[in-house]
Amino acid sequence: MTVGGINTVLRTKAAVSMDEMGDQYCMIGPYVEKGVKMEVEVEDPVKHEPMASVISQMKQYGFKVVCRY
């Protein structure tokens, strides 16, 4: 399955998973700039602890991180 295929599967299951798990649900996947610009409403993670500290640490290690809540 390609990255696009995985993205489609995750997107279709995300709503159900969010209903079942609420704020205990997190998806992590590849950063594809074109897809992010077209499909993700990026939000500021600062107001969402403890994820904000995890994201900060990931960025310190060189990961490109965008958030949508």
PDB file of N, CA and C in Angstrom:
ATOM      1  N   MET A   1       0.846  -1.172   0.000  1.00  0.00           N
ATOM      2  CA  MET A   1       0.000   0.000   0.000  1.00  0.00           C
ATOM      3  C   MET A   1       0.897   1.242   0.000  1.00  0.00           C
ATOM      4  N   THR A   2       0.533   2.241  -0.742  1.00  0.00           N
ATOM      5  CA  THR A   2       1.329   3.465  -0.823  1.00  0.00           C
ATOM      6  C   THR A   2       1.001   4.398   0.338  1.00  0.00           C
ATOM      7  N   VAL A   3       1.812   5.421   0.498  1.00  0.00           N
ATOM      8  CA  VAL A   3       1.560   6.410   1.541  1.00  0.00           C
ATOM      9  C   VAL A   3       0.177   7.022   1.363  1.00  0.00           C
ATOM     10  N   GLY A   4      -0.186   7.347   0.128  1.00  0.00           N
ATOM     11  CA  GLY A   4      -1.515   7.905  -0.137  1.00  0.00           C
ATOM     12  C   GLY A   4      -2.614   6.948   0.272  1.00  0.00           C
ATOM     13  N   GLY A   5      -2.414   5.663   0.037  1.00  0.00           N
ATOM     14  CA  GLY A   5      -3.399   4.666   0.425  1.00  0.00           C
ATOM     15  C   GLY A   5      -3.547   4.581   1.928  1.00  0.00           C
ATOM     16  N   ILE A   6      -2.431   4.611   2.618  1.00  0.00           N
ATOM     17  CA  ILE A   6      -2.460   4.582   4.082  1.00  0.00           C
ATOM     18  C   ILE A   6      -3.153   5.837   4.605  1.00  0.00           C
ATOM     19  N   ASN A   7      -2.840   6.975   4.016  1.00  0.00           N
ATOM     20  CA  ASN A   7      -3.448   8.233   4.424  1.00  0.00           C
ATOM     21  C   ASN A   7      -4.966   8.169   4.282  1.00  0.00           C
ATOM     22  N   THR A   8      -5.442   7.591   3.190  1.00  0.00           N
ATOM     23  CA  THR A   8      -6.879   7.465   2.957  1.00  0.00           C
ATOM     24  C   THR A   8      -7.521   6.571   4.007  1.00  0.00           C
ATOM     25  N   VAL A   9      -6.890   5.453   4.309  1.00  0.00           N
ATOM     26  CA  VAL A   9      -7.424   4.537   5.324  1.00  0.00           C
ATOM     27  C   VAL A   9      -7.483   5.234   6.677  1.00  0.00           C
ATOM     28  N   LEU A  10      -6.396   5.901   7.065  1.00  0.00           N
ATOM     29  CA  LEU A  10      -6.372   6.586   8.363  1.00  0.00           C
ATOM     30  C   LEU A  10      -7.423   7.682   8.431  1.00  0.00           C
ATOM     31  N   ARG A  11      -7.567   8.434   7.352  1.00  0.00           N
ATOM     32  CA  ARG A  11      -8.535   9.529   7.341  1.00  0.00           C
ATOM     33  C   ARG A  11      -9.958   9.004   7.521  1.00  0.00           C
ATOM     34  N   THR A  12     -10.276   7.887   6.880  1.00  0.00           N
ATOM     35  CA  THR A  12     -11.630   7.359   6.989  1.00  0.00           C
ATOM     36  C   THR A  12     -11.895   6.770   8.374  1.00  0.00           C
ATOM     37  N   LYS A  13     -10.868   6.266   9.021  1.00  0.00           N
ATOM     38  CA  LYS A  13     -11.044   5.682  10.354  1.00  0.00           C
ATOM     39  C   LYS A  13     -10.877   6.703  11.481  1.00  0.00           C
ATOM     40  N   ALA A  14     -10.336   7.856  11.187  1.00  0.00           N
ATOM     41  CA  ALA A  14     -10.051   8.842  12.230  1.00  0.00           C
ATOM     42  C   ALA A  14     -11.308   9.299  12.954  1.00  0.00           C
ATOM     43  N   ALA A  15     -12.371   9.571  12.235  1.00  0.00           N
ATOM     44  CA  ALA A  15     -13.595  10.065  12.876  1.00  0.00           C
ATOM     45  C   ALA A  15     -14.151   9.044  13.860  1.00  0.00           C
ATOM     46  N   VAL A  16     -14.191   7.784  13.468  1.00  0.00           N
ATOM     47  CA  VAL A  16     -14.689   6.727  14.351  1.00  0.00           C
ATOM     48  C   VAL A  16     -13.777   6.583  15.562  1.00  0.00           C
ATOM     49  N   SER A  17     -12.478   6.595  15.315  1.00  0.00           N
ATOM     50  CA  SER A  17     -11.516   6.464  16.415  1.00  0.00           C
ATOM     51  C   SER A  17     -11.629   7.631  17.386  1.00  0.00           C
ATOM     52  N   MET A  18     -11.810   8.847  16.878  1.00  0.00           N
ATOM     53  CA  MET A  18     -11.965  10.022  17.740  1.00  0.00           C
ATOM     54  C   MET A  18     -13.234   9.903  18.578  1.00  0.00           C
ATOM     55  N   ASP A  19     -14.315   9.399  17.979  1.00  0.00           N
ATOM     56  CA  ASP A  19     -15.554   9.209  18.736  1.00  0.00           C
ATOM     57  C   ASP A  19     -15.349   8.207  19.870  1.00  0.00           C
ATOM     58  N   GLU A  20     -14.604   7.154  19.592  1.00  0.00           N
ATOM     59  CA  GLU A  20     -14.393   6.105  20.590  1.00  0.00           C
ATOM     60  C   GLU A  20     -13.390   6.500  21.666  1.00  0.00           C
ATOM     61  N   MET A  21     -12.319   7.211  21.273  1.00  0.00           N
ATOM     62  CA  MET A  21     -11.227   7.464  22.211  1.00  0.00           C
ATOM     63  C   MET A  21     -11.050   8.919  22.609  1.00  0.00           C
ATOM     64  N   GLY A  22     -11.725   9.821  21.935  1.00  0.00           N
ATOM     65  CA  GLY A  22     -11.636  11.236  22.286  1.00  0.00           C
ATOM     66  C   GLY A  22     -10.216  11.766  22.220  1.00  0.00           C
ATOM     67  N   ASP A  23      -9.809  12.473  23.267  1.00  0.00           N
ATOM     68  CA  ASP A  23      -8.479  13.095  23.256  1.00  0.00           C
ATOM     69  C   ASP A  23      -7.357  12.112  23.613  1.00  0.00           C
ATOM     70  N   GLN A  24      -7.673  10.832  23.688  1.00  0.00           N
ATOM     71  CA  GLN A  24      -6.656   9.814  23.939  1.00  0.00           C
ATOM     72  C   GLN A  24      -6.164   9.195  22.632  1.00  0.00           C
ATOM     73  N   TYR A  25      -6.449   9.838  21.497  1.00  0.00           N
ATOM     74  CA  TYR A  25      -6.131   9.311  20.172  1.00  0.00           C
ATOM     75  C   TYR A  25      -5.127  10.218  19.479  1.00  0.00           C
ATOM     76  N   CYS A  26      -4.099   9.613  18.913  1.00  0.00           N
ATOM     77  CA  CYS A  26      -3.071  10.380  18.222  1.00  0.00           C
ATOM     78  C   CYS A  26      -2.599   9.576  17.018  1.00  0.00           C
ATOM     79  N   MET A  27      -2.499  10.223  15.869  1.00  0.00           N
ATOM     80  CA  MET A  27      -1.954   9.571  14.680  1.00  0.00           C
ATOM     81  C   MET A  27      -0.625  10.221  14.343  1.00  0.00           C
ATOM     82  N   ILE A  28       0.323   9.394  13.973  1.00  0.00           N
ATOM     83  CA  ILE A  28       1.627   9.885  13.552  1.00  0.00           C
ATOM     84  C   ILE A  28       1.924   9.265  12.197  1.00  0.00           C
ATOM     85  N   GLY A  29       2.344  10.082  11.260  1.00  0.00           N
ATOM     86  CA  GLY A  29       2.615   9.558   9.929  1.00  0.00           C
ATOM     87  C   GLY A  29       3.636  10.395   9.205  1.00  0.00           C
ATOM     88  N   PRO A  30       3.878  10.069   7.959  1.00  0.00           N
ATOM     89  CA  PRO A  30       4.882  10.797   7.183  1.00  0.00           C
ATOM     90  C   PRO A  30       4.428  12.222   6.881  1.00  0.00           C
ATOM     91  N   TYR A  31       5.400  13.109   6.815  1.00  0.00           N
ATOM     92  CA  TYR A  31       5.119  14.495   6.463  1.00  0.00           C
ATOM     93  C   TYR A  31       5.269  14.644   4.956  1.00  0.00           C
ATOM     94  N   VAL A  32       4.168  14.892   4.280  1.00  0.00           N
ATOM     95  CA  VAL A  32       4.169  15.108   2.836  1.00  0.00           C
ATOM     96  C   VAL A  32       3.649  16.534   2.622  1.00  0.00           C
ATOM     97  N   GLU A  33       4.578  17.437   2.311  1.00  0.00           N
ATOM     98  CA  GLU A  33       4.263  18.871   2.258  1.00  0.00           C
ATOM     99  C   GLU A  33       3.026  19.180   1.415  1.00  0.00           C
ATOM    100  N   LYS A  34       2.929  18.595   0.238  1.00  0.00           N
ATOM    101  CA  LYS A  34       1.790  18.865  -0.641  1.00  0.00           C
ATOM    102  C   LYS A  34       0.475  18.491   0.052  1.00  0.00           C
ATOM    103  N   GLY A  35       0.447  17.343   0.686  1.00  0.00           N
ATOM    104  CA  GLY A  35      -0.762  16.895   1.369  1.00  0.00           C
ATOM    105  C   GLY A  35      -1.104  17.759   2.570  1.00  0.00           C
ATOM    106  N   VAL A  36      -0.093  18.171   3.295  1.00  0.00           N
ATOM    107  CA  VAL A  36      -0.323  19.003   4.474  1.00  0.00           C
ATOM    108  C   VAL A  36      -0.924  20.334   4.056  1.00  0.00           C
ATOM    109  N   LYS A  37      -0.366  20.953   3.036  1.00  0.00           N
ATOM    110  CA  LYS A  37      -0.865  22.249   2.588  1.00  0.00           C
ATOM    111  C   LYS A  37      -2.303  22.165   2.101  1.00  0.00           C
ATOM    112  N   MET A  38      -2.671  21.029   1.513  1.00  0.00           N
ATOM    113  CA  MET A  38      -4.007  20.888   0.935  1.00  0.00           C
ATOM    114  C   MET A  38      -5.028  20.304   1.909  1.00  0.00           C
ATOM    115  N   GLU A  39      -4.592  19.515   2.883  1.00  0.00           N
ATOM    116  CA  GLU A  39      -5.548  18.733   3.652  1.00  0.00           C
ATOM    117  C   GLU A  39      -5.547  18.970   5.158  1.00  0.00           C
ATOM    118  N   VAL A  40      -4.560  19.649   5.697  1.00  0.00           N
ATOM    119  CA  VAL A  40      -4.454  19.758   7.152  1.00  0.00           C
ATOM    120  C   VAL A  40      -4.623  21.205   7.591  1.00  0.00           C
ATOM    121  N   GLU A  41      -5.502  21.410   8.555  1.00  0.00           N
ATOM    122  CA  GLU A  41      -5.630  22.716   9.186  1.00  0.00           C
ATOM    123  C   GLU A  41      -4.685  22.698  10.386  1.00  0.00           C
ATOM    124  N   VAL A  42      -3.507  23.252  10.196  1.00  0.00           N
ATOM    125  CA  VAL A  42      -2.453  23.196  11.212  1.00  0.00           C
ATOM    126  C   VAL A  42      -2.843  24.070  12.401  1.00  0.00           C
ATOM    127  N   GLU A  43      -2.625  23.538  13.595  1.00  0.00           N
ATOM    128  CA  GLU A  43      -2.946  24.256  14.822  1.00  0.00           C
ATOM    129  C   GLU A  43      -1.713  24.366  15.704  1.00  0.00           C
ATOM    130  N   ASP A  44      -1.755  25.299  16.614  1.00  0.00           N
ATOM    131  CA  ASP A  44      -0.656  25.528  17.547  1.00  0.00           C
ATOM    132  C   ASP A  44      -0.742  24.514  18.694  1.00  0.00           C
ATOM    133  N   PRO A  45       0.298  23.697  18.882  1.00  0.00           N
ATOM    134  CA  PRO A  45       0.236  22.678  19.928  1.00  0.00           C
ATOM    135  C   PRO A  45       0.476  23.210  21.346  1.00  0.00           C
ATOM    136  N   VAL A  46       0.843  24.465  21.490  1.00  0.00           N
ATOM    137  CA  VAL A  46       1.228  24.996  22.793  1.00  0.00           C
ATOM    138  C   VAL A  46       0.106  24.848  23.824  1.00  0.00           C
ATOM    139  N   LYS A  47      -1.125  24.969  23.393  1.00  0.00           N
ATOM    140  CA  LYS A  47      -2.242  24.928  24.345  1.00  0.00           C
ATOM    141  C   LYS A  47      -2.679  23.504  24.690  1.00  0.00           C
ATOM    142  N   HIS A  48      -2.019  22.504  24.143  1.00  0.00           N
ATOM    143  CA  HIS A  48      -2.430  21.121  24.339  1.00  0.00           C
ATOM    144  C   HIS A  48      -1.348  20.312  25.050  1.00  0.00           C
ATOM    145  N   GLU A  49      -1.217  20.489  26.348  1.00  0.00           N
ATOM    146  CA  GLU A  49      -0.281  19.679  27.125  1.00  0.00           C
ATOM    147  C   GLU A  49      -0.924  18.323  27.379  1.00  0.00           C
ATOM    148  N   PRO A  50      -0.193  17.241  27.448  1.00  0.00           N
ATOM    149  CA  PRO A  50       1.255  17.115  27.426  1.00  0.00           C
ATOM    150  C   PRO A  50       1.830  16.990  26.017  1.00  0.00           C
ATOM    151  N   MET A  51       0.987  16.990  24.990  1.00  0.00           N
ATOM    152  CA  MET A  51       1.495  16.826  23.622  1.00  0.00           C
ATOM    153  C   MET A  51       2.450  17.939  23.234  1.00  0.00           C
ATOM    154  N   ALA A  52       2.249  19.132  23.746  1.00  0.00           N
ATOM    155  CA  ALA A  52       3.125  20.249  23.393  1.00  0.00           C
ATOM    156  C   ALA A  52       4.573  19.946  23.755  1.00  0.00           C
ATOM    157  N   SER A  53       4.803  19.324  24.931  1.00  0.00           N
ATOM    158  CA  SER A  53       6.191  19.009  25.299  1.00  0.00           C
ATOM    159  C   SER A  53       6.754  17.885  24.462  1.00  0.00           C
ATOM    160  N   VAL A  54       5.925  16.921  24.104  1.00  0.00           N
ATOM    161  CA  VAL A  54       6.388  15.831  23.238  1.00  0.00           C
ATOM    162  C   VAL A  54       6.762  16.382  21.867  1.00  0.00           C
ATOM    163  N   ILE A  55       5.920  17.244  21.327  1.00  0.00           N
ATOM    164  CA  ILE A  55       6.171  17.843  20.012  1.00  0.00           C
ATOM    165  C   ILE A  55       7.439  18.692  20.057  1.00  0.00           C
ATOM    166  N   SER A  56       7.628  19.442  21.123  1.00  0.00           N
ATOM    167  CA  SER A  56       8.834  20.255  21.271  1.00  0.00           C
ATOM    168  C   SER A  56      10.081  19.381  21.242  1.00  0.00           C
ATOM    169  N   GLN A  57      10.048  18.276  21.956  1.00  0.00           N
ATOM    170  CA  GLN A  57      11.191  17.361  21.964  1.00  0.00           C
ATOM    171  C   GLN A  57      11.421  16.747  20.587  1.00  0.00           C
ATOM    172  N   MET A  58      10.353  16.382  19.890  1.00  0.00           N
ATOM    173  CA  MET A  58      10.501  15.815  18.550  1.00  0.00           C
ATOM    174  C   MET A  58      11.173  16.821  17.615  1.00  0.00           C
ATOM    175  N   LYS A  59      10.772  18.083  17.718  1.00  0.00           N
ATOM    176  CA  LYS A  59      11.373  19.125  16.881  1.00  0.00           C
ATOM    177  C   LYS A  59      12.851  19.306  17.206  1.00  0.00           C
ATOM    178  N   GLN A  60      13.220  19.173  18.484  1.00  0.00           N
ATOM    179  CA  GLN A  60      14.623  19.279  18.871  1.00  0.00           C
ATOM    180  C   GLN A  60      15.460  18.177  18.234  1.00  0.00           C
ATOM    181  N   TYR A  61      14.848  17.034  17.983  1.00  0.00           N
ATOM    182  CA  TYR A  61      15.539  15.913  17.331  1.00  0.00           C
ATOM    183  C   TYR A  61      15.475  16.004  15.806  1.00  0.00           C
ATOM    184  N   GLY A  62      14.881  17.075  15.282  1.00  0.00           N
ATOM    185  CA  GLY A  62      14.882  17.294  13.847  1.00  0.00           C
ATOM    186  C   GLY A  62      13.643  16.817  13.099  1.00  0.00           C
ATOM    187  N   PHE A  63      12.618  16.369  13.825  1.00  0.00           N
ATOM    188  CA  PHE A  63      11.390  15.943  13.160  1.00  0.00           C
ATOM    189  C   PHE A  63      10.575  17.151  12.732  1.00  0.00           C
ATOM    190  N   LYS A  64       9.966  17.064  11.566  1.00  0.00           N
ATOM    191  CA  LYS A  64       9.020  18.084  11.108  1.00  0.00           C
ATOM    192  C   LYS A  64       7.670  17.661  11.662  1.00  0.00           C
ATOM    193  N   VAL A  65       7.065  18.518  12.486  1.00  0.00           N
ATOM    194  CA  VAL A  65       5.814  18.168  13.155  1.00  0.00           C
ATOM    195  C   VAL A  65       4.759  19.240  12.877  1.00  0.00           C
ATOM    196  N   VAL A  66       3.589  18.814  12.449  1.00  0.00           N
ATOM    197  CA  VAL A  66       2.441  19.694  12.356  1.00  0.00           C
ATOM    198  C   VAL A  66       1.309  19.058  13.141  1.00  0.00           C
ATOM    199  N   CYS A  67       0.422  19.895  13.660  1.00  0.00           N
ATOM    200  CA  CYS A  67      -0.627  19.396  14.543  1.00  0.00           C
ATOM    201  C   CYS A  67      -1.999  19.817  14.061  1.00  0.00           C
ATOM    202  N   ARG A  68      -2.913  18.936  14.255  1.00  0.00           N
ATOM    203  CA  ARG A  68      -4.324  19.229  14.053  1.00  0.00           C
ATOM    204  C   ARG A  68      -5.077  18.540  15.170  1.00  0.00           C
ATOM    205  N   TYR A  69      -5.921  19.292  15.873  1.00  0.00           N
ATOM    206  CA  TYR A  69      -6.654  18.719  17.002  1.00  0.00           C
ATOM    207  C   TYR A  69      -8.117  18.639  16.705  1.00  0.00           C
TER     208      TYR A  69
END
